C-alpha atoms as a PDB file:
ATOM      1  CA  MET A   1       0.000   0.000   0.000  1.00  0.00           C
ATOM      2  CA  MET A   2       2.802   2.414   0.844  1.00  0.00           C
ATOM      3  CA  LYS A   3       4.785   1.746  -2.345  1.00  0.00           C
ATOM      4  CA  PRO A   4       1.974   2.717  -4.784  1.00  0.00           C
ATOM      5  CA  LEU A   5       1.312   5.846  -2.755  1.00  0.00           C
ATOM      6  CA  MET A   6       4.979   6.833  -2.876  1.00  0.00           C
ATOM      7  CA  MET A   7       5.103   6.218  -6.636  1.00  0.00           C
ATOM      8  CA  LEU A   8       2.013   8.368  -7.128  1.00  0.00           C
ATOM      9  CA  LEU A   9       3.533  11.194  -5.103  1.00  0.00           C
ATOM     10  CA  ALA A  10       6.797  10.913  -7.040  1.00  0.00           C
ATOM     11  CA  ALA A  11       4.914  11.055 -10.353  1.00  0.00           C
ATOM     12  CA  LEU A  12       2.984  14.127  -9.213  1.00  0.00           C
ATOM     13  CA  ALA A  13       6.173  15.809  -8.046  1.00  0.00           C
ATOM     14  CA  LEU A  14       7.870  15.185 -11.384  1.00  0.00           C
ATOM     15  CA  GLY A  15       4.802  16.339 -13.275  1.00  0.00           C
ATOM     16  CA  GLY A  16       4.709  19.548 -11.255  1.00  0.00           C
ATOM     17  CA  CYS A  17       8.254  20.370 -12.313  1.00  0.00           C
ATOM     18  CA  ALA A  18       7.571  19.900 -16.012  1.00  0.00           C
ATOM     19  CA  THR A  19       8.444  22.700 -18.397  1.00  0.00           C
ATOM     20  CA  VAL A  20       7.177  23.567 -21.834  1.00  0.00           C
ATOM     21  CA  GLN A  21       9.810  24.050 -24.497  1.00  0.00           C
ATOM     22  CA  ILE A  22       9.298  27.238 -26.460  1.00  0.00           C
ATOM     23  CA  PRO A  23      10.678  26.654 -29.947  1.00  0.00           C
ATOM     24  CA  ALA A  24      13.823  28.750 -30.362  1.00  0.00           C
ATOM     25  CA  ASP A  25      12.632  30.230 -33.654  1.00  0.00           C
ATOM     26  CA  ARG A  26       9.392  31.458 -32.040  1.00  0.00           C
ATOM     27  CA  LEU A  27      11.255  33.109 -29.189  1.00  0.00           C
ATOM     28  CA  GLU A  28      13.832  34.616 -31.559  1.00  0.00           C
ATOM     29  CA  GLY A  29      11.035  35.885 -33.803  1.00  0.00           C
ATOM     30  CA  SER A  30       9.346  37.660 -30.922  1.00  0.00           C
ATOM     31  CA  GLU A  31      12.591  39.183 -29.690  1.00  0.00           C
ATOM     32  CA  ALA A  32      13.540  40.246 -33.239  1.00  0.00           C
ATOM     33  CA  SER A  33      10.190  42.010 -33.624  1.00  0.00           C
ATOM     34  CA  ILE A  34      10.808  43.833 -30.352  1.00  0.00           C
ATOM     35  CA  ARG A  35      14.298  44.898 -31.488  1.00  0.00           C
ATOM     36  CA  GLY A  36      12.916  46.039 -34.837  1.00  0.00           C
ATOM     37  CA  ALA A  37      10.293  48.178 -33.146  1.00  0.00           C
ATOM     38  CA  GLU A  38      12.913  49.700 -30.852  1.00  0.00           C
ATOM     39  CA  GLU A  39      15.227  50.485 -33.767  1.00  0.00           C
ATOM     40  CA  THR A  40      12.381  52.068 -35.723  1.00  0.00           C
ATOM     41  CA  GLY A  41      11.721  54.491 -32.910  1.00  0.00           C
ATOM     42  CA  ALA A  42       8.643  52.980 -31.287  1.00  0.00           C
ATOM     43  CA  SER A  43       9.739  54.447 -27.947  1.00  0.00           C
ATOM     44  CA  GLY A  44       9.068  57.935 -29.301  1.00  0.00           C
ATOM     45  CA  VAL A  45       5.499  57.222 -30.436  1.00  0.00           C
ATOM     46  CA  PRO A  46       3.057  56.949 -27.519  1.00  0.00           C
ATOM     47  CA  ALA A  47       0.809  54.220 -28.978  1.00  0.00           C
ATOM     48  CA  ALA A  48       3.792  52.262 -30.279  1.00  0.00           C
ATOM     49  CA  LYS A  49       5.576  52.612 -26.942  1.00  0.00           C
ATOM     50  CA  LEU A  50       2.607  51.039 -25.174  1.00  0.00           C
ATOM     51  CA  HIS A  51       2.538  48.028 -27.501  1.00  0.00           C
ATOM     52  CA  LEU A  52       6.304  47.694 -27.305  1.00  0.00           C
ATOM     53  CA  GLN A  53       6.144  47.507 -23.512  1.00  0.00           C
ATOM     54  CA  LEU A  54       3.293  44.989 -23.721  1.00  0.00           C
ATOM     55  CA  ALA A  55       5.395  42.854 -26.058  1.00  0.00           C
ATOM     56  CA  LYS A  56       8.351  42.916 -23.680  1.00  0.00           C
ATOM     57  CA  ASP A  57       6.170  42.053 -20.677  1.00  0.00           C
ATOM     58  CA  GLN A  58       4.387  39.266 -22.527  1.00  0.00           C
ATOM     59  CA  THR A  59       7.663  37.737 -23.699  1.00  0.00           C
ATOM     60  CA  GLU A  60       8.899  37.584 -20.110  1.00  0.00           C
ATOM     61  CA  THR A  61       5.558  36.179 -18.965  1.00  0.00           C
ATOM     62  CA  ALA A  62       5.688  33.507 -21.674  1.00  0.00           C
ATOM     63  CA  LYS A  63       9.164  32.456 -20.544  1.00  0.00           C
ATOM     64  CA  LYS A  64       7.986  32.147 -16.927  1.00  0.00           C
ATOM     65  CA  MET A  65       4.856  30.260 -17.960  1.00  0.00           C
ATOM     66  CA  ALA A  66       6.923  27.829 -20.023  1.00  0.00           C
ATOM     67  CA  ALA A  67       9.258  27.243 -17.101  1.00  0.00           C
ATOM     68  CA  ASN A  68       6.221  26.400 -14.967  1.00  0.00           C
ATOM     69  CA  GLY A  69       4.877  23.963 -17.569  1.00  0.00           C
ATOM     70  CA  ASP A  70       1.980  26.104 -18.774  1.00  0.00           C
ATOM     71  CA  GLU A  71       1.245  25.285 -22.410  1.00  0.00           C
ATOM     72  CA  ARG A  72      -0.482  28.636 -22.871  1.00  0.00           C
ATOM     73  CA  SER A  73       2.979  30.188 -22.944  1.00  0.00           C
ATOM     74  CA  LEU A  74       3.041  29.741 -26.716  1.00  0.00           C
ATOM     75  CA  LEU A  75      -0.153  31.774 -27.038  1.00  0.00           C
ATOM     76  CA  VAL A  76       1.250  34.538 -24.845  1.00  0.00           C
ATOM     77  CA  LEU A  77       4.418  34.548 -26.941  1.00  0.00           C
ATOM     78  CA  ALA A  78       2.347  34.859 -30.124  1.00  0.00           C
ATOM     79  CA  ARG A  79       0.510  37.790 -28.586  1.00  0.00           C
ATOM     80  CA  ALA A  80       3.857  39.369 -27.681  1.00  0.00           C
ATOM     81  CA  GLU A  81       5.043  39.075 -31.256  1.00  0.00           C
ATOM     82  CA  ALA A  82       1.781  40.592 -32.526  1.00  0.00           C
ATOM     83  CA  ASP A  83       2.158  43.542 -30.152  1.00  0.00           C
ATOM     84  CA  ALA A  84       5.767  44.036 -31.253  1.00  0.00           C
ATOM     85  CA  GLU A  85       4.712  43.995 -34.910  1.00  0.00           C
ATOM     86  CA  LEU A  86       1.964  46.509 -34.137  1.00  0.00           C
ATOM     87  CA  ALA A  87       4.478  48.759 -32.377  1.00  0.00           C
ATOM     88  CA  LEU A  88       6.737  48.507 -35.417  1.00  0.00           C
ATOM     89  CA  GLY A  89       3.863  49.405 -37.754  1.00  0.00           C
ATOM     90  CA  LEU A  90       2.786  52.349 -35.612  1.00  0.00           C
ATOM     91  CA  ALA A  91       6.352  53.660 -35.468  1.00  0.00           C
ATOM     92  CA  ARG A  92       6.713  53.382 -39.240  1.00  0.00           C
ATOM     93  CA  GLU A  93       3.362  55.102 -39.738  1.00  0.00           C
ATOM     94  CA  ALA A  94       4.440  57.986 -37.516  1.00  0.00           C
ATOM     95  CA  ALA A  95       7.688  58.361 -39.473  1.00  0.00           C
ATOM     96  CA  VAL A  96       5.894  58.343 -42.832  1.00  0.00           C
ATOM     97  CA  HIS A  97       3.303  60.812 -41.544  1.00  0.00           C
ATOM     98  CA  GLY A  98       6.070  63.155 -40.404  1.00  0.00           C
ATOM     99  CA  ASP A  99       7.742  62.890 -43.818  1.00  0.00           C
ATOM    100  CA  ALA A 100       4.438  63.666 -45.537  1.00  0.00           C
ATOM    101  CA  LEU A 101       3.877  66.748 -43.381  1.00  0.00           C
ATOM    102  CA  ARG A 102       7.389  68.017 -44.150  1.00  0.00           C
ATOM    103  CA  ALA A 103       6.847  67.442 -47.861  1.00  0.00           C
ATOM    104  CA  ALA A 104       3.557  69.354 -47.731  1.00  0.00           C
ATOM    105  CA  GLU A 105       5.287  72.258 -45.970  1.00  0.00           C
ATOM    106  CA  ASP A 106       8.081  72.243 -48.559  1.00  0.00           C
ATOM    107  CA  LEU A 107       5.497  72.321 -51.341  1.00  0.00           C
ATOM    108  CA  LYS A 108       3.748  75.285 -49.730  1.00  0.00           C
ATOM    109  CA  ALA A 109       7.068  77.100 -49.479  1.00  0.00           C
ATOM    110  CA  VAL A 110       7.844  76.467 -53.130  1.00  0.00           C
ATOM    111  CA  LYS A 111       4.390  77.689 -54.189  1.00  0.00           C
ATOM    112  CA  ALA A 112       4.717  80.764 -51.962  1.00  0.00           C
ATOM    113  CA  ARG A 113       7.948  81.746 -53.708  1.00  0.00           C
ATOM    114  CA  GLY A 114       6.055  81.726 -56.965  1.00  0.00           C
ATOM    115  CA  THR A 115       8.527  79.649 -58.911  1.00  0.00           C
ATOM    116  CA  PRO A 116       7.154  78.545 -62.279  1.00  0.00           C
END
């Protein structure tokens, strides 16, 4: 009676220490998206900065969840990558919008000078 009980407890203890392996390419993809957003200037765009921080937090959460054996860590990592991509897109949009405004101002200046 004692031996089956001990084996059951040992199995539960080992199962409680299980981890989920996050595929290296998925983790690298998420971290690359975060780096890309940072390099594009997402920290200077309020909406992009928010999504960038969410992506960083979610990546760390996914790592902790995987270490604790939670299979939902892959979903959290996918959400982190999506937030990083959104931050990247918002940063690019802000840069393009700024370029468009400068071009419009330059055009107004050229028209104001009256050049043919």
